[in-house]
Every structure is written in structure tokens, then in C-alpha cells.
Amino acid sequence: MTLAFLKLHVAGHDFILIDQDRLDGSNVKYQPTQNGIAELILDRRCGVGGDGCIFMASTRDKGSAERSLSGRLFASDGRELPLSPDALLCIARLALDTGRSGTGTLHIQAPYTETVYELKTIDSRSFMFTLPYPRVQPLTLIVDGKTANAYRIQLGASYLVSCAVPNGPGSKRVRQALLAMGKTDAIPLMLRLHAKDIIRYVGPEKTDRMEGAVAAVLAAGFQGLTAEPVVPGLEGAIVAEWRGRGGAVSYASFPAVPDPNHAAGPATLIDRGRFWVNPDRNRGIQVVGKAEYVFDGNFDI
């Protein structure tokens, strides 16, 4: 059985996306399960490699011309995971590029539940997603006899966020303390203020970038590093910048057919590691991110 796939990433958080609308298994005797496919294709040595495998499908509602989308997300060990914001970005990008969604809003159905996620299209590769305002628990770290503030923020996953401060323990020691605390179920994140209203954060490679950006901005606000924006919407948002793997801010993208007047064609700068976060206790947290293509291909099972 040959599977056509695409590989996409959100600031280095990479996914294999399989479009079920393109699969034709009518002449195949052996039909592998989706979790079995995920285990094989996500293997970075013998497969394609990735942090998650997404199965995307679309259906047309009866009595309506509008198509609805659904998605399932699997880890490399075959476990099914809830759809993460990064995975939703990848589904939205492919749906928009293949004409299965409008240019305004996009709805994605979560499996086994009545939950429907709504994403707003910002441009050809950027989407806005609204998260409910999470529970935030302030904590105090004592490292080498000095104190540092930390925050446990419950989103889709639990995050432990801290920042090194003057006259406090160093960032390396704070990160070690977070890693020790994170052995339970929380994802440790370190952040620092790079410039006015630009928060840099770093964590484990498999951290969901959009959720991490939200956790970083909220923790920075409690830490007093930045203020919540007054103007709602994208223009009033705070920039959160991922500085882990895949966190380059920009790169050059050249056209397939070079311009004869330019040696390599005009370059396009694309923000890869930046997210725009606008927290609002009443309306929820608006976060904007981008999904980018890596490559496509076929995988034999």
C-alpha cells in the first residue's frame, strides 16, 4: 500500500499529514490501522520522521454546500492525542490551499466529541485560534538559596514557566529546577524579554509552539516583564518568539522560475518562530501562527 503524504511544520514542530480524501484502498487487501501507520511513518530512522501524524478528512453536510473537516492526531508510539493548536494549523493550511475552506473562517471537528475548533484566516499561511483563558498557579522556586518565580499554566497540556531575574539564580540552574519539577506531567519553559513586548521562550523539542507562546506571554505578564495589550485583535498582540529547534525568525524563499533580471529571484522573508498573542480574560486568548510545508512524497507500507 502506498500512502501520499505531506510534511508540514510550525516553527520546527513537524507533522506528517495524510489526506484521507486522496486515499484509494479499494484494491488493497491489507488495510493497516491509523495508529500502525503513524508508528511506521513517524520513525526518524526507518520512516519519514515527525513529531505527530495527522489524518485529515472532509465531508459534505447534508442539505448544505459547506464542507466540514475532521482530524485525528497520533504520536510515534501509536497513541492517539487530542488535536493540538499546531496540528490544527497544519490542517487549516492544507484545507485552504486545496479549496476545502473559505477565506474567512474554518471549522475542524475533533474526533469522538462534539468539539468544533474555529480558526480565522489571516493570510495564505497564517491563522488565528482562540483558547479559553487558563488556570494559572504561581509557584516559588528556591535554587542555590535564592528565589525565582514560576507559573504552572494549564492549557491542553500543563506548562511550568519561569524566567531568570537579576540577583536571582542563573537561567541554567532555573532550567534544571524546572526540568526536575517537570518530571511529573508538566512541560518546562524558560523565557526572557528580548525587546519591548517580544518574549523569547524555549522548551523541549516536542512542545506545542502555539500553546507554548500563550504560556510564555501569560507568565511574562505575571512576572511584570510586559503588560497585557489594550487594543484587541492582532495589532495589539504581544510577540512570542520560539528559540528552540526550528526557531529561526526568517529565511529566504525563492520562486520556482527565476526572474531573468535577478540572479536568484526576489527573496521572501517568512517569520518561522514568531507568534502573536492577545490575552483577554473575557474573550479568551487570541493567538496567530503559521504552518509551512517541508516536502511531500509517497510512503510504502
Protein backbone atom coordinates (compact mmCIF):
# COMPACT_ATOMS: atom_id res chain seq x y z
CA MET A 1 0.00 0.00 0.00
CA THR A 2 1.38 3.41 -1.00
CA LEU A 3 0.41 6.48 1.01
CA ALA A 4 0.75 10.02 -0.30
CA PHE A 5 1.74 12.42 2.47
CA LEU A 6 2.82 15.97 3.14
CA LYS A 7 5.20 17.14 5.82
CA LEU A 8 4.46 20.47 7.49
CA HIS A 9 5.92 22.24 10.47
CA VAL A 10 5.10 25.02 12.91
CA ALA A 11 8.43 26.58 13.94
CA GLY A 12 10.15 23.20 13.75
CA HIS A 13 7.32 21.18 15.34
CA ASP A 14 6.86 18.83 12.38
CA PHE A 15 3.90 16.69 11.36
CA ILE A 16 3.15 14.12 8.70
CA LEU A 17 -0.26 14.91 7.22
CA ILE A 18 -2.18 12.22 5.34
CA ASP A 19 -5.15 13.44 3.33
CA GLN A 20 -7.74 10.66 3.54
CA ASP A 21 -9.70 12.20 0.67
CA ARG A 22 -6.82 11.19 -1.63
CA LEU A 23 -6.53 7.59 -0.42
CA ASP A 24 -7.81 4.77 -2.57
CA GLY A 25 -7.75 1.48 -0.71
CA SER A 26 -10.32 -0.34 -2.82
CA ASN A 27 -7.72 -2.66 -4.41
CA VAL A 28 -5.65 -3.21 -1.28
CA LYS A 29 -6.07 -6.47 0.62
CA TYR A 30 -4.23 -5.30 3.73
CA GLN A 31 -5.57 -2.17 5.40
CA PRO A 32 -3.24 -1.03 8.21
CA THR A 33 -4.73 0.84 11.15
CA GLN A 34 -4.08 4.55 11.52
CA ASN A 35 -2.04 4.11 14.68
CA GLY A 36 0.02 1.43 12.92
CA ILE A 37 0.68 3.80 10.02
CA ALA A 38 1.73 6.51 12.48
CA GLU A 39 4.26 4.24 14.19
CA LEU A 40 5.89 3.36 10.86
CA ILE A 41 5.90 6.74 9.15
CA LEU A 42 7.00 8.78 12.20
CA ASP A 43 10.13 6.68 12.78
CA ARG A 44 13.01 9.09 12.12
CA ARG A 45 15.40 6.27 11.17
CA CYS A 46 13.30 3.91 9.06
CA GLY A 47 10.33 6.12 8.18
CA VAL A 48 9.83 9.74 7.20
CA GLY A 49 10.09 11.13 10.72
CA GLY A 50 7.97 13.63 12.59
CA ASP A 51 6.53 14.64 15.96
CA GLY A 52 2.98 13.63 15.04
CA CYS A 53 0.88 12.08 12.29
CA ILE A 54 -2.37 13.80 11.27
CA PHE A 55 -5.17 12.09 9.35
CA MET A 56 -7.37 14.72 7.73
CA ALA A 57 -10.75 14.11 6.10
CA SER A 58 -13.58 16.25 4.76
CA THR A 59 -17.29 15.53 4.44
CA ARG A 60 -20.15 17.48 2.93
CA ASP A 61 -23.03 18.09 5.31
CA LYS A 62 -26.46 17.02 4.11
CA GLY A 63 -28.56 19.93 2.94
CA SER A 64 -25.55 22.25 2.90
CA ALA A 65 -22.90 23.09 0.33
CA GLU A 66 -20.33 23.69 3.06
CA ARG A 67 -17.72 21.04 3.80
CA SER A 68 -16.72 20.13 7.33
CA LEU A 69 -13.23 18.96 8.23
CA SER A 70 -12.07 16.46 10.80
CA GLY A 71 -8.67 15.34 12.00
CA ARG A 72 -7.01 12.71 14.17
CA LEU A 73 -3.54 13.05 15.67
CA PHE A 74 -1.22 10.16 16.60
CA ALA A 75 2.15 10.05 18.36
CA SER A 76 5.15 7.99 17.22
CA ASP A 77 4.21 5.18 19.63
CA GLY A 78 0.72 4.87 18.12
CA ARG A 79 -1.15 6.69 20.90
CA GLU A 80 -3.96 8.97 19.75
CA LEU A 81 -3.63 12.50 21.08
CA PRO A 82 -6.09 15.39 21.28
CA LEU A 83 -5.79 17.77 18.34
CA SER A 84 -3.21 20.38 19.33
CA PRO A 85 -3.18 24.00 18.08
CA ASP A 86 -0.10 23.26 15.95
CA ALA A 87 -1.87 20.29 14.32
CA LEU A 88 -4.93 22.45 13.67
CA LEU A 89 -2.70 24.99 11.90
CA CYS A 90 -1.40 22.27 9.56
CA ILE A 91 -4.93 21.05 8.74
CA ALA A 92 -6.08 24.62 8.12
CA ARG A 93 -3.14 25.34 5.80
CA LEU A 94 -3.81 22.32 3.58
CA ALA A 95 -7.59 22.87 3.61
CA LEU A 96 -7.14 26.47 2.47
CA ASP A 97 -4.64 25.56 -0.25
CA THR A 98 -6.84 22.77 -1.64
CA GLY A 99 -10.02 24.85 -1.68
CA ARG A 100 -11.80 22.94 1.07
CA SER A 101 -12.30 26.02 3.21
CA GLY A 102 -13.32 29.59 2.64
CA THR A 103 -11.08 32.58 3.08
CA GLY A 104 -12.85 33.68 6.27
CA THR A 105 -13.23 31.03 8.96
CA LEU A 106 -12.50 27.32 9.09
CA HIS A 107 -14.16 24.69 11.30
CA ILE A 108 -12.45 21.43 12.31
CA GLN A 109 -14.30 18.65 14.13
CA ALA A 110 -12.46 16.89 16.96
CA PRO A 111 -12.78 13.06 16.99
CA TYR A 112 -15.22 11.32 19.36
CA THR A 113 -16.52 14.62 20.75
CA GLU A 114 -18.83 17.44 19.74
CA THR A 115 -15.97 19.94 19.97
CA VAL A 116 -15.53 22.06 16.84
CA TYR A 117 -12.47 24.29 16.58
CA GLU A 118 -12.79 27.59 14.73
CA LEU A 119 -9.80 29.19 13.02
CA LYS A 120 -9.82 32.58 11.33
CA THR A 121 -7.75 33.03 8.17
CA ILE A 122 -5.27 35.91 8.45
CA ASP A 123 -3.38 35.34 5.18
CA SER A 124 -2.41 32.42 2.92
CA ARG A 125 -0.46 30.63 5.67
CA SER A 126 -1.46 32.32 8.96
CA PHE A 127 -4.48 31.56 11.13
CA MET A 128 -5.93 32.86 14.38
CA PHE A 129 -7.07 30.46 17.06
CA THR A 130 -8.84 31.39 20.32
CA LEU A 131 -8.05 29.50 23.52
CA PRO A 132 -10.00 29.80 26.77
CA TYR A 133 -8.21 31.75 29.49
CA PRO A 134 -6.38 29.07 31.51
CA ARG A 135 -5.85 28.48 35.19
CA VAL A 136 -2.53 29.97 36.38
CA GLN A 137 -0.88 28.82 39.62
CA PRO A 138 2.04 30.94 40.93
CA LEU A 139 4.94 28.97 42.43
CA THR A 140 8.21 29.85 44.14
CA LEU A 141 11.47 28.12 43.24
CA ILE A 142 14.35 28.07 45.71
CA VAL A 143 17.58 27.42 43.82
CA ASP A 144 21.00 27.72 45.48
CA GLY A 145 19.42 29.64 48.35
CA LYS A 146 17.84 32.20 46.00
CA THR A 147 14.23 32.53 44.92
CA ALA A 148 12.72 32.65 41.44
CA ASN A 149 9.11 32.85 40.35
CA ALA A 150 7.47 30.10 38.32
CA TYR A 151 3.95 29.60 36.99
CA ARG A 152 2.01 26.43 36.32
CA ILE A 153 -0.32 27.15 33.39
CA GLN A 154 -2.94 24.59 32.38
CA LEU A 155 -3.77 24.64 28.67
CA GLY A 156 -4.15 21.48 26.57
CA ALA A 157 -1.02 20.39 28.43
CA SER A 158 0.40 21.64 31.72
CA TYR A 159 3.32 24.09 31.49
CA LEU A 160 5.87 25.20 34.07
CA VAL A 161 7.22 28.62 33.06
CA SER A 162 9.95 30.65 34.72
CA CYS A 163 12.36 33.46 33.98
CA ALA A 164 15.79 34.27 35.38
CA VAL A 165 15.78 37.65 37.17
CA PRO A 166 18.57 39.98 38.37
CA ASN A 167 20.10 38.93 41.71
CA GLY A 168 18.35 35.58 41.38
CA PRO A 169 19.61 32.14 40.38
CA GLY A 170 21.09 31.82 36.90
CA SER A 171 18.99 30.72 33.95
CA LYS A 172 20.82 27.38 33.68
CA ARG A 173 20.08 26.48 37.30
CA VAL A 174 16.46 27.64 37.00
CA ARG A 175 16.04 25.46 33.93
CA GLN A 176 17.47 22.46 35.79
CA ALA A 177 14.98 23.08 38.60
CA LEU A 178 12.12 23.26 36.10
CA LEU A 179 13.24 20.01 34.48
CA ALA A 180 13.25 18.34 37.90
CA MET A 181 9.73 19.63 38.60
CA GLY A 182 8.59 18.71 35.09
CA LYS A 183 9.24 15.01 35.65
CA THR A 184 5.59 14.76 36.66
CA ASP A 185 3.43 15.82 33.71
CA ALA A 186 4.29 19.48 33.10
CA ILE A 187 6.32 20.88 30.19
CA PRO A 188 9.13 23.21 31.38
CA LEU A 189 9.57 26.54 29.55
CA MET A 190 12.18 29.25 30.07
CA LEU A 191 11.55 32.79 28.88
CA ARG A 192 13.25 36.16 28.70
CA LEU A 193 12.40 39.62 27.42
CA HIS A 194 14.28 40.29 24.17
CA ALA A 195 12.86 43.71 23.33
CA LYS A 196 9.76 45.69 24.14
CA ASP A 197 6.79 43.29 24.01
CA ILE A 198 8.85 40.48 22.44
CA ILE A 199 9.03 37.40 24.65
CA ARG A 200 11.51 34.65 23.78
CA TYR A 201 10.82 31.17 25.11
CA VAL A 202 12.41 27.73 24.82
CA GLY A 203 11.45 24.24 25.94
CA PRO A 204 11.53 20.57 24.89
CA GLU A 205 11.56 19.90 21.14
CA LYS A 206 8.04 18.42 21.09
CA THR A 207 6.50 21.46 22.79
CA ASP A 208 3.36 22.69 21.05
CA ARG A 209 4.59 26.04 19.76
CA MET A 210 1.26 27.92 19.88
CA GLU A 211 0.37 26.76 23.39
CA GLY A 212 3.93 27.48 24.49
CA ALA A 213 3.64 31.02 23.14
CA VAL A 214 0.44 31.56 25.15
CA ALA A 215 2.04 30.18 28.33
CA ALA A 216 5.13 32.37 27.81
CA VAL A 217 3.14 35.59 27.35
CA LEU A 218 0.91 34.91 30.36
CA ALA A 219 3.89 34.11 32.60
CA ALA A 220 5.70 37.22 31.36
CA GLY A 221 2.68 39.32 32.30
CA PHE A 222 2.58 37.90 35.83
CA GLN A 223 6.34 38.39 36.09
CA GLY A 224 5.94 42.05 35.16
CA LEU A 225 8.04 41.80 32.00
CA THR A 226 5.27 43.10 29.76
CA ALA A 227 1.74 44.44 30.06
CA GLU A 228 -1.39 42.94 28.55
CA PRO A 229 -2.32 44.77 25.33
CA VAL A 230 -5.14 47.27 25.49
CA VAL A 231 -6.13 47.13 21.82
CA PRO A 232 -7.90 43.83 20.98
CA GLY A 233 -7.02 41.91 17.84
CA LEU A 234 -3.78 41.19 16.04
CA GLU A 235 -2.44 44.75 16.11
CA GLY A 236 -2.47 44.85 19.90
CA ALA A 237 -0.87 41.47 20.38
CA ILE A 238 2.43 40.65 22.07
CA VAL A 239 5.05 38.81 20.04
CA ALA A 240 6.27 35.49 21.44
CA GLU A 241 9.33 34.04 19.74
CA TRP A 242 10.28 30.36 19.93
CA ARG A 243 14.06 29.97 20.26
CA GLY A 244 14.38 26.19 20.30
CA ARG A 245 14.79 23.80 17.36
CA GLY A 246 13.30 25.30 14.20
CA GLY A 247 13.15 28.75 15.72
CA ALA A 248 14.87 30.77 13.01
CA VAL A 249 12.97 34.02 12.64
CA SER A 250 13.16 34.23 8.86
CA TYR A 251 14.52 32.55 5.76
CA ALA A 252 14.63 33.22 2.02
CA SER A 253 12.05 31.59 -0.26
CA PHE A 254 12.80 31.77 -3.99
CA PRO A 255 10.34 31.26 -6.87
CA ALA A 256 10.49 28.11 -8.97
CA VAL A 257 11.10 30.14 -12.15
CA PRO A 258 13.90 32.69 -11.55
CA ASP A 259 13.37 36.26 -12.63
CA PRO A 260 15.73 36.92 -15.58
CA ASN A 261 16.54 40.34 -14.10
CA HIS A 262 17.72 38.80 -10.83
CA ALA A 263 20.26 36.05 -10.31
CA ALA A 264 18.19 34.15 -7.76
CA GLY A 265 14.83 35.86 -7.86
CA PRO A 266 13.32 38.09 -5.16
CA ALA A 267 13.56 36.60 -1.68
CA THR A 268 10.58 36.44 0.65
CA LEU A 269 11.20 36.72 4.39
CA ILE A 270 8.97 34.44 6.45
CA ASP A 271 8.67 34.56 10.25
CA ARG A 272 9.07 30.97 11.41
CA GLY A 273 9.41 31.27 15.15
CA ARG A 274 7.08 34.15 15.96
CA PHE A 275 3.53 34.05 17.27
CA TRP A 276 1.16 36.89 18.11
CA VAL A 277 -0.72 36.53 21.40
CA ASN A 278 -3.51 38.76 22.67
CA PRO A 279 -4.75 37.65 26.11
CA ASP A 280 -8.21 38.76 27.19
CA ARG A 281 -9.87 37.32 30.30
CA ASN A 282 -13.36 37.86 28.89
CA ARG A 283 -12.99 36.88 25.23
CA GLY A 284 -10.24 34.28 25.57
CA ILE A 285 -6.69 34.29 24.26
CA GLN A 286 -6.20 35.02 20.57
CA VAL A 287 -3.03 33.54 19.10
CA VAL A 288 -1.82 33.72 15.49
CA GLY A 289 0.70 31.31 13.99
CA LYS A 290 1.90 29.95 10.66
CA ALA A 291 2.22 26.46 9.21
CA GLU A 292 4.81 25.85 6.49
CA TYR A 293 5.35 22.99 4.04
CA VAL A 294 8.55 20.96 4.20
CA PHE A 295 8.07 18.41 1.40
CA ASP A 296 5.66 15.80 0.07
CA GLY A 297 6.14 12.21 -1.06
CA ASN A 298 4.91 8.62 -1.00
CA PHE A 299 5.42 6.01 1.71
CA ASP A 300 5.13 2.26 1.07
CA ILE A 301 3.65 0.05 3.79
